[in-house]
All heavy atoms as atom14 arrays in JSON, in Angstrom:
{
  "sequence": "PHPGPTYHSDLRLDWEVQFFTSRGFAVADVDYRGSTGYGREFR",
  "atom14_mask": [
    [1, 1, 1, 1, 1, 1, 1, 0, 0, 0, 0, 0, 0, 0],
    [1, 1, 1, 1, 1, 1, 1, 1, 1, 1, 0, 0, 0, 0],
    [1, 1, 1, 1, 1, 1, 1, 0, 0, 0, 0, 0, 0, 0],
    [1, 1, 1, 1, 0, 0, 0, 0, 0, 0, 0, 0, 0, 0],
    [1, 1, 1, 1, 1, 1, 1, 0, 0, 0, 0, 0, 0, 0],
    [1, 1, 1, 1, 1, 1, 1, 0, 0, 0, 0, 0, 0, 0],
    [1, 1, 1, 1, 1, 1, 1, 1, 1, 1, 1, 1, 0, 0],
    [1, 1, 1, 1, 1, 1, 1, 1, 1, 1, 0, 0, 0, 0],
    [1, 1, 1, 1, 1, 1, 0, 0, 0, 0, 0, 0, 0, 0],
    [1, 1, 1, 1, 1, 1, 1, 1, 0, 0, 0, 0, 0, 0],
    [1, 1, 1, 1, 1, 1, 1, 1, 0, 0, 0, 0, 0, 0],
    [1, 1, 1, 1, 1, 1, 1, 1, 1, 1, 1, 0, 0, 0],
    [1, 1, 1, 1, 1, 1, 1, 1, 0, 0, 0, 0, 0, 0],
    [1, 1, 1, 1, 1, 1, 1, 1, 0, 0, 0, 0, 0, 0],
    [1, 1, 1, 1, 1, 1, 1, 1, 1, 1, 1, 1, 1, 1],
    [1, 1, 1, 1, 1, 1, 1, 1, 1, 0, 0, 0, 0, 0],
    [1, 1, 1, 1, 1, 1, 1, 0, 0, 0, 0, 0, 0, 0],
    [1, 1, 1, 1, 1, 1, 1, 1, 1, 0, 0, 0, 0, 0],
    [1, 1, 1, 1, 1, 1, 1, 1, 1, 1, 1, 0, 0, 0],
    [1, 1, 1, 1, 1, 1, 1, 1, 1, 1, 1, 0, 0, 0],
    [1, 1, 1, 1, 1, 1, 1, 0, 0, 0, 0, 0, 0, 0],
    [1, 1, 1, 1, 1, 1, 0, 0, 0, 0, 0, 0, 0, 0],
    [1, 1, 1, 1, 1, 1, 1, 1, 1, 1, 1, 0, 0, 0],
    [1, 1, 1, 1, 0, 0, 0, 0, 0, 0, 0, 0, 0, 0],
    [1, 1, 1, 1, 1, 1, 1, 1, 1, 1, 1, 0, 0, 0],
    [1, 1, 1, 1, 1, 0, 0, 0, 0, 0, 0, 0, 0, 0],
    [1, 1, 1, 1, 1, 1, 1, 0, 0, 0, 0, 0, 0, 0],
    [1, 1, 1, 1, 1, 0, 0, 0, 0, 0, 0, 0, 0, 0],
    [1, 1, 1, 1, 1, 1, 1, 1, 0, 0, 0, 0, 0, 0],
    [1, 1, 1, 1, 1, 1, 1, 0, 0, 0, 0, 0, 0, 0],
    [1, 1, 1, 1, 1, 1, 1, 1, 0, 0, 0, 0, 0, 0],
    [1, 1, 1, 1, 1, 1, 1, 1, 1, 1, 1, 1, 0, 0],
    [1, 1, 1, 1, 1, 1, 1, 1, 1, 1, 1, 0, 0, 0],
    [1, 1, 1, 1, 0, 0, 0, 0, 0, 0, 0, 0, 0, 0],
    [1, 1, 1, 1, 1, 1, 0, 0, 0, 0, 0, 0, 0, 0],
    [1, 1, 1, 1, 1, 1, 1, 0, 0, 0, 0, 0, 0, 0],
    [1, 1, 1, 1, 0, 0, 0, 0, 0, 0, 0, 0, 0, 0],
    [1, 1, 1, 1, 1, 1, 1, 1, 1, 1, 1, 1, 0, 0],
    [1, 1, 1, 1, 0, 0, 0, 0, 0, 0, 0, 0, 0, 0],
    [1, 1, 1, 1, 1, 1, 1, 1, 1, 1, 1, 0, 0, 0],
    [1, 1, 1, 1, 1, 1, 1, 1, 1, 0, 0, 0, 0, 0],
    [1, 1, 1, 1, 1, 1, 1, 1, 1, 1, 1, 0, 0, 0],
    [1, 1, 1, 1, 1, 1, 1, 1, 1, 1, 1, 0, 0, 0]
  ],
  "atom14_positions": [
    [[73.73, 87.56, 79.92], [74.92, 88.36, 79.79], [74.64, 89.84, 80.15], [73.56, 90.38, 79.79], [75.11, 88.31, 78.21], [73.81, 87.97, 77.63], [73.08, 87.26, 78.65], [0.0, 0.0, 0.0], [0.0, 0.0, 0.0], [0.0, 0.0, 0.0], [0.0, 0.0, 0.0], [0.0, 0.0, 0.0], [0.0, 0.0, 0.0], [0.0, 0.0, 0.0]],
    [[75.48, 90.42, 80.99], [75.22, 91.69, 81.47], [75.29, 92.79, 80.37], [75.73, 92.53, 79.26], [76.21, 92.03, 82.61], [77.69, 92.06, 82.15], [78.16, 93.01, 81.24], [78.72, 91.21, 82.32], [79.48, 92.74, 81.01], [79.79, 91.56, 81.6], [0.0, 0.0, 0.0], [0.0, 0.0, 0.0], [0.0, 0.0, 0.0], [0.0, 0.0, 0.0]],
    [[74.73, 93.97, 80.65], [74.54, 94.97, 79.56], [75.81, 95.8, 79.29], [75.64, 96.85, 78.75], [73.43, 95.77, 80.12], [73.55, 95.79, 81.63], [74.07, 94.35, 81.89], [0.0, 0.0, 0.0], [0.0, 0.0, 0.0], [0.0, 0.0, 0.0], [0.0, 0.0, 0.0], [0.0, 0.0, 0.0], [0.0, 0.0, 0.0], [0.0, 0.0, 0.0]],
    [[77.03, 95.27, 79.49], [78.18, 96.05, 79.23], [78.38, 96.47, 77.81], [77.53, 97.39, 77.4], [0.0, 0.0, 0.0], [0.0, 0.0, 0.0], [0.0, 0.0, 0.0], [0.0, 0.0, 0.0], [0.0, 0.0, 0.0], [0.0, 0.0, 0.0], [0.0, 0.0, 0.0], [0.0, 0.0, 0.0], [0.0, 0.0, 0.0], [0.0, 0.0, 0.0]],
    [[79.26, 95.89, 77.01], [80.12, 94.8, 77.39], [81.2, 95.06, 78.42], [81.7, 94.19, 79.05], [80.63, 94.24, 76.14], [80.71, 95.34, 75.17], [79.48, 96.28, 75.56], [0.0, 0.0, 0.0], [0.0, 0.0, 0.0], [0.0, 0.0, 0.0], [0.0, 0.0, 0.0], [0.0, 0.0, 0.0], [0.0, 0.0, 0.0], [0.0, 0.0, 0.0]],
    [[81.52, 96.36, 78.55], [82.58, 96.75, 79.47], [81.97, 97.06, 80.76], [81.86, 98.24, 81.22], [83.35, 97.95, 78.9], [83.72, 97.76, 77.49], [84.66, 98.15, 79.71], [0.0, 0.0, 0.0], [0.0, 0.0, 0.0], [0.0, 0.0, 0.0], [0.0, 0.0, 0.0], [0.0, 0.0, 0.0], [0.0, 0.0, 0.0], [0.0, 0.0, 0.0]],
    [[81.52, 96.03, 81.46], [80.86, 96.13, 82.78], [81.05, 94.72, 83.43], [81.94, 93.98, 83.12], [79.44, 96.53, 82.62], [78.79, 96.91, 83.98], [79.33, 98.02, 84.65], [77.66, 96.32, 84.45], [78.75, 98.32, 85.96], [77.08, 96.61, 85.6], [77.59, 97.64, 86.36], [77.06, 98.02, 87.54], [0.0, 0.0, 0.0], [0.0, 0.0, 0.0]],
    [[80.14, 94.45, 84.37], [80.27, 93.08, 85.13], [78.87, 92.76, 85.63], [77.98, 93.66, 85.65], [81.2, 93.22, 86.26], [80.94, 94.4, 87.19], [80.13, 94.22, 88.19], [81.38, 95.74, 87.23], [79.98, 95.34, 88.9], [80.71, 96.28, 88.22], [0.0, 0.0, 0.0], [0.0, 0.0, 0.0], [0.0, 0.0, 0.0], [0.0, 0.0, 0.0]],
    [[78.69, 91.59, 86.09], [77.42, 91.29, 86.81], [77.41, 91.89, 88.17], [78.41, 91.85, 88.93], [77.25, 89.7, 86.91], [77.31, 89.17, 85.59], [0.0, 0.0, 0.0], [0.0, 0.0, 0.0], [0.0, 0.0, 0.0], [0.0, 0.0, 0.0], [0.0, 0.0, 0.0], [0.0, 0.0, 0.0], [0.0, 0.0, 0.0], [0.0, 0.0, 0.0]],
    [[76.26, 92.41, 88.61], [76.15, 93.0, 89.92], [75.8, 91.98, 90.98], [74.81, 91.24, 90.88], [75.03, 94.15, 89.94], [75.51, 95.33, 89.21], [76.68, 95.8, 89.38], [74.71, 95.81, 88.34], [0.0, 0.0, 0.0], [0.0, 0.0, 0.0], [0.0, 0.0, 0.0], [0.0, 0.0, 0.0], [0.0, 0.0, 0.0], [0.0, 0.0, 0.0]],
    [[76.66, 91.84, 92.04], [76.42, 90.98, 93.17], [75.59, 91.74, 94.22], [76.09, 92.19, 95.27], [77.7, 90.44, 93.67], [77.64, 89.38, 94.82], [76.72, 88.24, 94.47], [79.04, 88.93, 95.12], [0.0, 0.0, 0.0], [0.0, 0.0, 0.0], [0.0, 0.0, 0.0], [0.0, 0.0, 0.0], [0.0, 0.0, 0.0], [0.0, 0.0, 0.0]],
    [[74.35, 91.97, 93.93], [73.46, 92.76, 94.81], [72.07, 92.29, 94.58], [71.74, 91.57, 93.65], [73.62, 94.25, 94.59], [73.34, 94.67, 93.2], [73.12, 96.1, 93.01], [73.08, 96.54, 91.65], [71.93, 96.38, 90.9], [70.86, 95.84, 91.42], [71.94, 96.87, 89.6], [0.0, 0.0, 0.0], [0.0, 0.0, 0.0], [0.0, 0.0, 0.0]],
    [[71.19, 92.67, 95.53], [69.77, 92.36, 95.43], [69.22, 92.84, 94.1], [69.19, 94.14, 93.83], [69.04, 92.93, 96.6], [67.44, 92.55, 96.71], [67.24, 91.0, 96.7], [66.89, 93.25, 97.88], [0.0, 0.0, 0.0], [0.0, 0.0, 0.0], [0.0, 0.0, 0.0], [0.0, 0.0, 0.0], [0.0, 0.0, 0.0], [0.0, 0.0, 0.0]],
    [[68.71, 92.06, 93.27], [68.09, 92.41, 92.01], [66.67, 91.78, 91.93], [66.41, 90.64, 91.83], [68.96, 91.76, 90.86], [68.5, 92.18, 89.43], [67.32, 92.39, 89.29], [69.35, 92.2, 88.58], [0.0, 0.0, 0.0], [0.0, 0.0, 0.0], [0.0, 0.0, 0.0], [0.0, 0.0, 0.0], [0.0, 0.0, 0.0], [0.0, 0.0, 0.0]],
    [[65.73, 92.75, 92.04], [64.28, 92.28, 92.1], [63.8, 91.7, 90.74], [62.88, 90.86, 90.7], [63.39, 93.43, 92.48], [63.6, 93.86, 93.87], [64.21, 95.01, 94.38], [63.32, 92.97, 95.12], [64.24, 94.95, 95.68], [63.65, 93.82, 96.13], [62.81, 91.77, 95.22], [63.54, 93.28, 97.54], [62.61, 91.31, 96.59], [62.99, 92.05, 97.65]],
    [[64.44, 91.96, 89.69], [64.14, 91.29, 88.37], [64.58, 89.76, 88.45], [63.72, 88.88, 87.93], [64.74, 91.97, 87.16], [64.25, 93.39, 86.99], [64.62, 93.97, 85.68], [64.96, 93.16, 84.7], [64.53, 95.27, 85.55], [0.0, 0.0, 0.0], [0.0, 0.0, 0.0], [0.0, 0.0, 0.0], [0.0, 0.0, 0.0], [0.0, 0.0, 0.0]],
    [[65.68, 89.57, 89.03], [66.14, 88.16, 89.2], [65.11, 87.48, 90.19], [64.71, 86.37, 89.86], [67.57, 88.15, 89.87], [67.88, 86.63, 90.28], [68.61, 88.54, 88.83], [0.0, 0.0, 0.0], [0.0, 0.0, 0.0], [0.0, 0.0, 0.0], [0.0, 0.0, 0.0], [0.0, 0.0, 0.0], [0.0, 0.0, 0.0], [0.0, 0.0, 0.0]],
    [[64.83, 88.14, 91.18], [63.89, 87.47, 92.17], [62.46, 87.24, 91.63], [61.72, 86.28, 92.0], [63.77, 88.36, 93.43], [65.04, 88.63, 94.17], [65.84, 87.37, 94.45], [65.28, 86.4, 94.97], [67.13, 87.28, 94.26], [0.0, 0.0, 0.0], [0.0, 0.0, 0.0], [0.0, 0.0, 0.0], [0.0, 0.0, 0.0], [0.0, 0.0, 0.0]],
    [[62.08, 88.06, 90.63], [60.8, 87.85, 89.93], [60.83, 86.53, 89.31], [59.71, 85.74, 89.42], [60.65, 88.95, 88.91], [59.41, 88.78, 87.97], [58.17, 89.29, 88.38], [59.53, 88.14, 86.77], [57.03, 89.13, 87.6], [58.37, 87.97, 86.0], [57.14, 88.51, 86.36], [0.0, 0.0, 0.0], [0.0, 0.0, 0.0], [0.0, 0.0, 0.0]],
    [[61.94, 86.06, 88.74], [61.9, 84.8, 88.02], [62.23, 83.7, 89.0], [61.62, 82.56, 88.87], [63.0, 84.86, 86.89], [62.54, 85.7, 85.75], [63.12, 86.91, 85.49], [61.54, 85.33, 84.89], [62.73, 87.75, 84.46], [61.07, 86.16, 83.89], [61.64, 87.35, 83.61], [0.0, 0.0, 0.0], [0.0, 0.0, 0.0], [0.0, 0.0, 0.0]],
    [[63.09, 83.78, 89.93], [63.4, 82.71, 90.84], [62.26, 82.37, 91.69], [62.08, 81.25, 92.15], [64.64, 83.03, 91.77], [64.42, 84.26, 92.46], [65.91, 83.25, 90.89], [0.0, 0.0, 0.0], [0.0, 0.0, 0.0], [0.0, 0.0, 0.0], [0.0, 0.0, 0.0], [0.0, 0.0, 0.0], [0.0, 0.0, 0.0], [0.0, 0.0, 0.0]],
    [[61.44, 83.36, 91.98], [60.21, 83.06, 92.84], [59.19, 82.35, 91.97], [58.12, 81.84, 92.66], [59.69, 84.44, 93.43], [59.17, 85.23, 92.39], [0.0, 0.0, 0.0], [0.0, 0.0, 0.0], [0.0, 0.0, 0.0], [0.0, 0.0, 0.0], [0.0, 0.0, 0.0], [0.0, 0.0, 0.0], [0.0, 0.0, 0.0], [0.0, 0.0, 0.0]],
    [[59.3, 82.3, 90.71], [58.37, 81.51, 89.81], [58.99, 80.28, 89.3], [58.56, 79.82, 88.25], [57.88, 82.51, 88.74], [56.96, 83.63, 89.28], [56.96, 84.85, 88.22], [55.9, 85.8, 88.72], [56.14, 86.73, 89.66], [57.33, 86.81, 90.33], [55.19, 87.52, 90.02], [0.0, 0.0, 0.0], [0.0, 0.0, 0.0], [0.0, 0.0, 0.0]],
    [[60.03, 79.85, 89.9], [60.53, 78.53, 89.59], [61.62, 78.47, 88.61], [62.11, 77.37, 88.09], [0.0, 0.0, 0.0], [0.0, 0.0, 0.0], [0.0, 0.0, 0.0], [0.0, 0.0, 0.0], [0.0, 0.0, 0.0], [0.0, 0.0, 0.0], [0.0, 0.0, 0.0], [0.0, 0.0, 0.0], [0.0, 0.0, 0.0], [0.0, 0.0, 0.0]],
    [[62.18, 79.59, 88.17], [63.23, 79.58, 87.28], [64.62, 79.81, 88.0], [64.73, 80.49, 88.98], [63.13, 80.82, 86.27], [61.98, 80.7, 85.27], [60.69, 80.97, 85.62], [62.39, 80.26, 84.01], [59.65, 80.79, 84.7], [61.3, 80.11, 83.08], [59.97, 80.37, 83.37], [0.0, 0.0, 0.0], [0.0, 0.0, 0.0], [0.0, 0.0, 0.0]],
    [[65.71, 79.25, 87.48], [67.03, 79.62, 87.79], [67.56, 80.74, 86.92], [67.19, 80.83, 85.8], [67.92, 78.4, 87.76], [0.0, 0.0, 0.0], [0.0, 0.0, 0.0], [0.0, 0.0, 0.0], [0.0, 0.0, 0.0], [0.0, 0.0, 0.0], [0.0, 0.0, 0.0], [0.0, 0.0, 0.0], [0.0, 0.0, 0.0], [0.0, 0.0, 0.0]],
    [[68.47, 81.55, 87.51], [69.04, 82.63, 86.69], [70.58, 82.55, 86.79], [71.04, 82.34, 87.92], [68.58, 84.0, 87.17], [69.26, 85.07, 86.41], [67.04, 84.18, 86.96], [0.0, 0.0, 0.0], [0.0, 0.0, 0.0], [0.0, 0.0, 0.0], [0.0, 0.0, 0.0], [0.0, 0.0, 0.0], [0.0, 0.0, 0.0], [0.0, 0.0, 0.0]],
    [[71.29, 82.69, 85.7], [72.68, 82.63, 85.66], [73.25, 83.91, 85.05], [73.1, 84.11, 83.77], [73.23, 81.32, 84.93], [0.0, 0.0, 0.0], [0.0, 0.0, 0.0], [0.0, 0.0, 0.0], [0.0, 0.0, 0.0], [0.0, 0.0, 0.0], [0.0, 0.0, 0.0], [0.0, 0.0, 0.0], [0.0, 0.0, 0.0], [0.0, 0.0, 0.0]],
    [[73.88, 84.76, 85.82], [74.46, 85.96, 85.35], [75.96, 85.59, 84.98], [76.68, 85.25, 85.82], [74.39, 87.06, 86.43], [73.04, 87.62, 86.5], [72.18, 87.37, 85.7], [72.81, 88.49, 87.45], [0.0, 0.0, 0.0], [0.0, 0.0, 0.0], [0.0, 0.0, 0.0], [0.0, 0.0, 0.0], [0.0, 0.0, 0.0], [0.0, 0.0, 0.0]],
    [[76.29, 86.0, 83.72], [77.6, 85.61, 83.26], [78.56, 86.8, 83.07], [78.18, 87.8, 82.4], [77.45, 84.89, 81.87], [78.85, 84.43, 81.32], [76.49, 83.78, 81.97], [0.0, 0.0, 0.0], [0.0, 0.0, 0.0], [0.0, 0.0, 0.0], [0.0, 0.0, 0.0], [0.0, 0.0, 0.0], [0.0, 0.0, 0.0], [0.0, 0.0, 0.0]],
    [[79.78, 86.69, 83.67], [80.8, 87.68, 83.38], [81.65, 87.08, 82.2], [82.57, 86.33, 82.36], [81.73, 87.9, 84.58], [81.09, 89.01, 85.47], [80.07, 89.55, 85.12], [81.71, 89.19, 86.52], [0.0, 0.0, 0.0], [0.0, 0.0, 0.0], [0.0, 0.0, 0.0], [0.0, 0.0, 0.0], [0.0, 0.0, 0.0], [0.0, 0.0, 0.0]],
    [[81.23, 87.37, 81.01], [81.85, 86.84, 79.74], [83.15, 87.64, 79.51], [83.4, 88.67, 80.13], [80.99, 86.88, 78.61], [80.29, 88.26, 78.38], [80.89, 89.31, 77.71], [78.96, 88.54, 78.98], [80.31, 90.62, 77.57], [78.36, 89.75, 78.81], [79.03, 90.69, 78.04], [78.42, 91.98, 77.92], [0.0, 0.0, 0.0], [0.0, 0.0, 0.0]],
    [[83.97, 87.07, 78.65], [85.23, 87.83, 78.27], [84.87, 89.19, 77.75], [83.98, 89.39, 76.93], [85.94, 86.99, 77.24], [86.83, 85.92, 77.86], [87.32, 84.95, 76.84], [86.31, 84.03, 76.23], [86.48, 83.16, 75.33], [87.73, 82.93, 74.9], [85.48, 82.39, 74.87], [0.0, 0.0, 0.0], [0.0, 0.0, 0.0], [0.0, 0.0, 0.0]],
    [[85.64, 90.23, 78.27], [85.43, 91.59, 77.99], [84.89, 92.28, 79.17], [84.75, 93.56, 79.26], [0.0, 0.0, 0.0], [0.0, 0.0, 0.0], [0.0, 0.0, 0.0], [0.0, 0.0, 0.0], [0.0, 0.0, 0.0], [0.0, 0.0, 0.0], [0.0, 0.0, 0.0], [0.0, 0.0, 0.0], [0.0, 0.0, 0.0], [0.0, 0.0, 0.0]],
    [[84.49, 91.54, 80.28], [83.88, 92.17, 81.48], [85.01, 92.8, 82.36], [86.11, 92.54, 82.09], [83.27, 91.08, 82.36], [82.2, 90.41, 81.61], [0.0, 0.0, 0.0], [0.0, 0.0, 0.0], [0.0, 0.0, 0.0], [0.0, 0.0, 0.0], [0.0, 0.0, 0.0], [0.0, 0.0, 0.0], [0.0, 0.0, 0.0], [0.0, 0.0, 0.0]],
    [[84.51, 93.76, 83.14], [85.49, 94.46, 84.12], [85.49, 93.69, 85.35], [84.63, 92.9, 85.76], [84.9, 95.87, 84.34], [83.61, 95.83, 84.83], [85.0, 96.76, 83.07], [0.0, 0.0, 0.0], [0.0, 0.0, 0.0], [0.0, 0.0, 0.0], [0.0, 0.0, 0.0], [0.0, 0.0, 0.0], [0.0, 0.0, 0.0], [0.0, 0.0, 0.0]],
    [[86.55, 94.01, 86.2], [86.86, 93.27, 87.47], [87.83, 92.2, 87.35], [88.17, 91.46, 88.35], [0.0, 0.0, 0.0], [0.0, 0.0, 0.0], [0.0, 0.0, 0.0], [0.0, 0.0, 0.0], [0.0, 0.0, 0.0], [0.0, 0.0, 0.0], [0.0, 0.0, 0.0], [0.0, 0.0, 0.0], [0.0, 0.0, 0.0], [0.0, 0.0, 0.0]],
    [[88.38, 92.0, 86.18], [89.44, 90.9, 85.89], [90.63, 91.34, 85.28], [91.43, 90.59, 84.83], [88.77, 89.88, 85.04], [87.38, 89.37, 85.58], [86.2, 89.98, 85.33], [87.37, 88.2, 86.51], [84.97, 89.48, 85.81], [86.23, 87.81, 87.01], [84.99, 88.42, 86.69], [83.88, 87.97, 87.2], [0.0, 0.0, 0.0], [0.0, 0.0, 0.0]],
    [[90.88, 92.72, 85.27], [92.17, 93.15, 84.71], [92.0, 93.64, 83.23], [91.0, 93.37, 82.59], [0.0, 0.0, 0.0], [0.0, 0.0, 0.0], [0.0, 0.0, 0.0], [0.0, 0.0, 0.0], [0.0, 0.0, 0.0], [0.0, 0.0, 0.0], [0.0, 0.0, 0.0], [0.0, 0.0, 0.0], [0.0, 0.0, 0.0], [0.0, 0.0, 0.0]],
    [[93.03, 94.29, 82.78], [93.06, 94.86, 81.36], [92.94, 93.82, 80.35], [92.24, 93.96, 79.32], [94.21, 95.84, 81.25], [94.28, 96.44, 79.84], [95.46, 97.38, 79.67], [95.5, 97.94, 78.33], [95.01, 99.19, 77.99], [94.48, 99.93, 78.84], [95.1, 99.53, 76.71], [0.0, 0.0, 0.0], [0.0, 0.0, 0.0], [0.0, 0.0, 0.0]],
    [[93.76, 92.74, 80.46], [93.83, 91.74, 79.38], [92.45, 91.11, 79.27], [92.05, 90.91, 78.07], [94.84, 90.74, 79.75], [95.03, 89.69, 78.72], [96.11, 88.63, 79.07], [96.76, 88.79, 80.11], [96.28, 87.67, 78.24], [0.0, 0.0, 0.0], [0.0, 0.0, 0.0], [0.0, 0.0, 0.0], [0.0, 0.0, 0.0], [0.0, 0.0, 0.0]],
    [[91.81, 90.84, 80.26], [90.45, 90.16, 80.21], [89.48, 91.16, 79.55], [88.68, 90.84, 78.68], [89.92, 89.71, 81.63], [88.79, 88.93, 81.57], [88.89, 87.41, 81.45], [87.52, 89.41, 81.72], [87.65, 86.62, 81.49], [86.41, 88.65, 81.68], [86.47, 87.28, 81.53], [0.0, 0.0, 0.0], [0.0, 0.0, 0.0], [0.0, 0.0, 0.0]],
    [[89.61, 92.43, 80.0], [88.61, 93.43, 79.53], [88.8, 93.69, 77.97], [87.87, 93.94, 77.32], [88.94, 94.77, 80.31], [88.02, 95.92, 80.11], [88.22, 97.06, 81.03], [89.42, 97.85, 80.71], [90.47, 98.07, 81.44], [90.55, 97.28, 82.66], [91.5, 98.73, 81.18], [0.0, 0.0, 0.0], [0.0, 0.0, 0.0], [0.0, 0.0, 0.0]]
  ]
}
């Protein structure tokens, strides 16, 4: 879950994600309800 809550997941190169994916892990960044980028009602 991103560090908002009034924010969103960043679609950009993230070396912390790559640290884990290069070691055999999958990573799922979640835009949960309350995130930005989806309008006022969702936020």
